[in-house]
């Protein structure tokens, strides 16, 4: 007796040469060669987050000398903000320090400006100088670097401050201090419980039955 072969649904059949599921298939329409397409990863473009304009502010009513964006120490500051709130968007400037810089700057130019967009080019340069040299105008306890390794008092901003913070953390790691080691391991530093919080990996301790 010959064995019956099941031909329904294509079961029991071996894939023949040139079938769809076989690797290395040649396309006769395109010269018998498979087209190769190089896939390149898209480049990451880091852009500064633009703050949306509040609905109650109408920029069309502003004058012709109004600047919608003011470039201040390599940072785009929205022109509808006040000087104190605009400076606060710069990394390294706190809310209180921004208000102090606003008062010091207005005293220098001899007038009050409600919006930073109405500053002229000369006034923007003067505001930058005031911001960079504010450590000479305010007491040491108001600035973020009151005592550097050189013994100076500085108020660092933007990349300079980030670099200085990174150096401090690297110094703690070289000292093998508790805080430095915990920071290197990615663990908490201030005594928090880590049983259920601060879990970063996908491992689950207990799974429920479905």
Protein backbone atom coordinates (compact mmCIF):
# COMPACT_ATOMS: atom_id res chain seq x y z
CA UNK A 1 0.00 0.00 0.00
CA UNK A 2 1.36 3.39 -0.96
CA UNK A 3 1.29 6.11 1.71
CA UNK A 4 -1.18 8.91 1.11
CA UNK A 5 0.23 12.44 1.09
CA UNK A 6 -1.76 15.30 2.57
CA UNK A 7 -1.99 18.05 -0.05
CA UNK A 8 -4.53 20.31 1.72
CA UNK A 9 -3.19 23.72 2.70
CA UNK A 10 0.22 22.86 1.35
CA UNK A 11 1.09 20.72 4.37
CA UNK A 12 3.63 17.99 3.91
CA UNK A 13 5.18 19.66 0.85
CA UNK A 14 8.83 20.60 0.84
CA UNK A 15 9.60 24.16 -0.34
CA UNK A 16 10.79 24.04 -3.92
CA UNK A 17 13.66 26.12 -5.26
CA UNK A 18 12.58 29.65 -6.05
CA UNK A 19 9.60 29.70 -3.68
CA UNK A 20 8.66 32.85 -1.75
CA UNK A 21 9.83 31.66 1.62
CA UNK A 22 13.31 30.72 0.46
CA UNK A 23 16.29 32.94 1.13
CA UNK A 24 18.42 34.23 -1.70
CA UNK A 25 15.49 34.54 -4.11
CA UNK A 26 16.33 36.06 -7.47
CA UNK A 27 14.00 38.55 -9.02
CA UNK A 28 13.84 37.90 -12.77
CA UNK A 29 12.29 41.31 -13.47
CA UNK A 30 15.34 43.17 -12.15
CA UNK A 31 18.18 41.40 -13.93
CA UNK A 32 18.20 38.46 -11.55
CA UNK A 33 19.92 40.43 -8.78
CA UNK A 34 18.41 41.49 -5.48
CA UNK A 35 18.35 45.26 -4.88
CA UNK A 36 20.32 46.29 -1.80
CA UNK A 37 19.20 49.38 0.11
CA UNK A 38 21.53 50.93 2.68
CA UNK A 39 19.69 51.90 5.83
CA UNK A 40 21.32 54.78 7.64
CA UNK A 41 20.35 55.93 11.13
CA UNK A 42 18.82 59.36 11.37
CA UNK A 43 21.07 61.91 13.01
CA UNK A 44 19.97 63.24 16.37
CA UNK A 45 19.46 66.98 16.41
CA UNK A 46 19.37 68.49 19.88
CA UNK A 47 17.19 71.54 19.83
CA UNK A 48 16.34 73.90 22.61
CA UNK A 49 12.75 73.51 23.77
CA UNK A 50 10.74 76.53 22.72
CA UNK A 51 8.37 77.86 25.32
CA UNK A 52 4.83 78.31 23.95
CA UNK A 53 3.49 81.85 24.03
CA UNK A 54 0.71 82.23 26.64
CA UNK A 55 -2.77 82.73 25.23
CA UNK A 56 -3.31 86.05 27.04
CA UNK A 57 -0.29 87.64 25.31
CA UNK A 58 -0.81 89.08 21.83
CA UNK A 59 2.56 89.75 20.16
CA UNK A 60 0.95 91.46 17.17
CA UNK A 61 0.19 94.50 19.34
CA UNK A 62 3.88 95.07 20.13
CA UNK A 63 5.88 97.82 18.40
CA UNK A 64 8.29 97.48 15.51
CA UNK A 65 11.32 97.61 17.83
CA UNK A 66 10.09 94.55 19.77
CA UNK A 67 12.24 91.39 19.46
CA UNK A 68 10.38 88.10 19.83
CA UNK A 69 13.60 86.24 20.70
CA UNK A 70 16.63 87.74 22.45
CA UNK A 71 19.97 85.91 22.22
CA UNK A 72 21.60 86.05 25.64
CA UNK A 73 24.80 84.08 26.50
CA UNK A 74 24.08 81.44 23.81
CA UNK A 75 20.49 81.05 24.94
CA UNK A 76 17.25 82.05 23.23
CA UNK A 77 15.09 84.03 25.67
CA UNK A 78 11.45 84.81 24.71
CA UNK A 79 10.95 88.54 24.29
CA UNK A 80 7.57 88.69 26.08
CA UNK A 81 9.19 87.79 29.44
CA UNK A 82 10.44 90.35 31.94
CA UNK A 83 14.18 90.70 32.48
CA UNK A 84 14.09 88.77 35.76
CA UNK A 85 12.02 85.88 34.39
CA UNK A 86 13.96 85.83 31.11
CA UNK A 87 17.33 85.51 32.81
CA UNK A 88 15.89 82.72 34.97
CA UNK A 89 15.71 80.46 31.86
CA UNK A 90 19.54 80.45 31.76
CA UNK A 91 21.07 77.44 33.53
CA UNK A 92 22.77 78.59 36.73
CA UNK A 93 20.56 81.62 37.48
CA UNK A 94 18.01 81.23 40.26
CA UNK A 95 14.75 83.12 40.73
CA UNK A 96 16.17 85.39 43.43
CA UNK A 97 19.38 86.08 41.52
CA UNK A 98 17.36 86.93 38.40
CA UNK A 99 15.42 89.61 40.28
CA UNK A 100 18.66 91.06 41.69
CA UNK A 101 20.24 91.21 38.21
CA UNK A 102 17.10 92.95 36.94
CA UNK A 103 17.42 95.67 39.64
CA UNK A 104 21.17 96.13 39.09
CA UNK A 105 20.74 96.40 35.31
CA UNK A 106 17.82 98.87 35.49
CA UNK A 107 19.87 101.04 37.87
CA UNK A 108 22.72 101.09 35.34
CA UNK A 109 20.60 102.17 32.36
CA UNK A 110 18.43 104.49 34.48
CA UNK A 111 15.01 103.20 33.35
CA UNK A 112 12.61 100.31 33.90
CA UNK A 113 11.92 97.86 31.07
CA UNK A 114 8.87 95.62 31.37
CA UNK A 115 9.76 93.16 28.60
CA UNK A 116 13.18 91.91 27.56
CA UNK A 117 12.17 92.15 23.88
CA UNK A 118 12.42 95.96 24.00
CA UNK A 119 16.16 95.94 24.79
CA UNK A 120 18.46 97.43 22.17
CA UNK A 121 21.66 95.71 21.00
CA UNK A 122 23.82 97.87 23.29
CA UNK A 123 21.57 97.13 26.27
CA UNK A 124 21.71 93.39 25.56
CA UNK A 125 25.54 93.53 25.62
CA UNK A 126 25.40 95.45 28.91
CA UNK A 127 22.98 92.89 30.36
CA UNK A 128 25.35 90.06 29.40
CA UNK A 129 28.26 91.84 31.11
CA UNK A 130 26.14 92.37 34.24
CA UNK A 131 25.15 88.69 34.24
CA UNK A 132 28.71 87.42 33.82
CA UNK A 133 30.14 89.78 36.48
CA UNK A 134 27.31 89.61 39.01
CA UNK A 135 29.67 88.10 41.61
CA UNK A 136 31.14 91.62 42.05
CA UNK A 137 27.71 93.15 42.67
CA UNK A 138 26.15 90.70 45.17
CA UNK A 139 27.38 89.00 48.37
CA UNK A 140 29.10 85.61 48.15
CA UNK A 141 26.20 83.63 49.64
CA UNK A 142 23.98 84.50 46.64
CA UNK A 143 26.19 82.95 43.94
CA UNK A 144 26.50 79.24 43.12
CA UNK A 145 30.30 78.96 43.47
CA UNK A 146 31.13 80.96 46.57
CA UNK A 147 34.41 79.12 47.12
CA UNK A 148 36.23 77.49 44.20
CA UNK A 149 39.45 75.46 44.35
CA UNK A 150 41.35 78.66 43.52
CA UNK A 151 39.75 80.48 46.47
CA UNK A 152 37.67 82.74 44.21
CA UNK A 153 33.94 83.47 44.28
CA UNK A 154 32.22 83.02 40.92
CA UNK A 155 28.73 82.61 39.55
CA UNK A 156 29.09 80.03 36.78
CA UNK A 157 26.37 79.50 34.16
CA UNK A 158 25.52 77.14 31.28
CA UNK A 159 28.33 74.72 30.21
CA UNK A 160 30.87 76.08 32.72
CA UNK A 161 28.62 75.16 35.64
CA UNK A 162 27.85 71.68 34.24
CA UNK A 163 31.58 71.01 33.76
CA UNK A 164 32.36 72.13 37.30
CA UNK A 165 29.64 69.88 38.76
CA UNK A 166 30.99 66.93 36.78
CA UNK A 167 34.49 67.60 38.13
CA UNK A 168 33.14 67.61 41.70
CA UNK A 169 31.41 64.25 41.21
CA UNK A 170 34.56 62.74 39.66
CA UNK A 171 36.56 64.01 42.64
CA UNK A 172 34.17 62.30 45.06
CA UNK A 173 34.54 59.05 43.10
CA UNK A 174 38.35 59.21 43.25
CA UNK A 175 38.19 59.80 47.00
CA UNK A 176 36.11 56.58 47.35
CA UNK A 177 33.69 58.41 49.57
CA UNK A 178 30.24 56.98 50.30
CA UNK A 179 28.49 59.64 48.23
CA UNK A 180 30.92 59.31 45.33
CA UNK A 181 30.61 55.51 45.13
CA UNK A 182 26.81 55.57 45.36
CA UNK A 183 26.64 58.13 42.57
CA UNK A 184 28.91 56.00 40.37
CA UNK A 185 26.74 52.93 40.98
CA UNK A 186 23.57 54.86 40.19
CA UNK A 187 22.13 54.38 43.68
CA UNK A 188 20.50 56.80 46.09
CA UNK A 189 22.68 58.97 48.29
CA UNK A 190 20.40 60.45 50.96
CA UNK A 191 19.21 57.33 52.75
CA UNK A 192 16.11 56.53 50.67
CA UNK A 193 14.67 53.02 50.62
CA UNK A 194 15.36 51.19 47.36
CA UNK A 195 13.18 48.10 47.76
CA UNK A 196 10.26 49.40 45.73
CA UNK A 197 11.47 52.84 44.56
CA UNK A 198 14.18 53.89 42.10
CA UNK A 199 13.94 50.59 40.18
CA UNK A 200 15.40 51.00 36.71
CA UNK A 201 15.78 47.45 35.40
CA UNK A 202 12.89 45.46 33.95
CA UNK A 203 13.25 42.60 36.48
CA UNK A 204 10.06 41.84 38.42
CA UNK A 205 10.27 40.18 41.84
CA UNK A 206 6.78 38.66 41.96
CA UNK A 207 4.45 37.93 39.05
CA UNK A 208 0.71 37.36 39.43
CA UNK A 209 -1.04 34.44 37.75
CA UNK A 210 -3.35 35.37 34.90
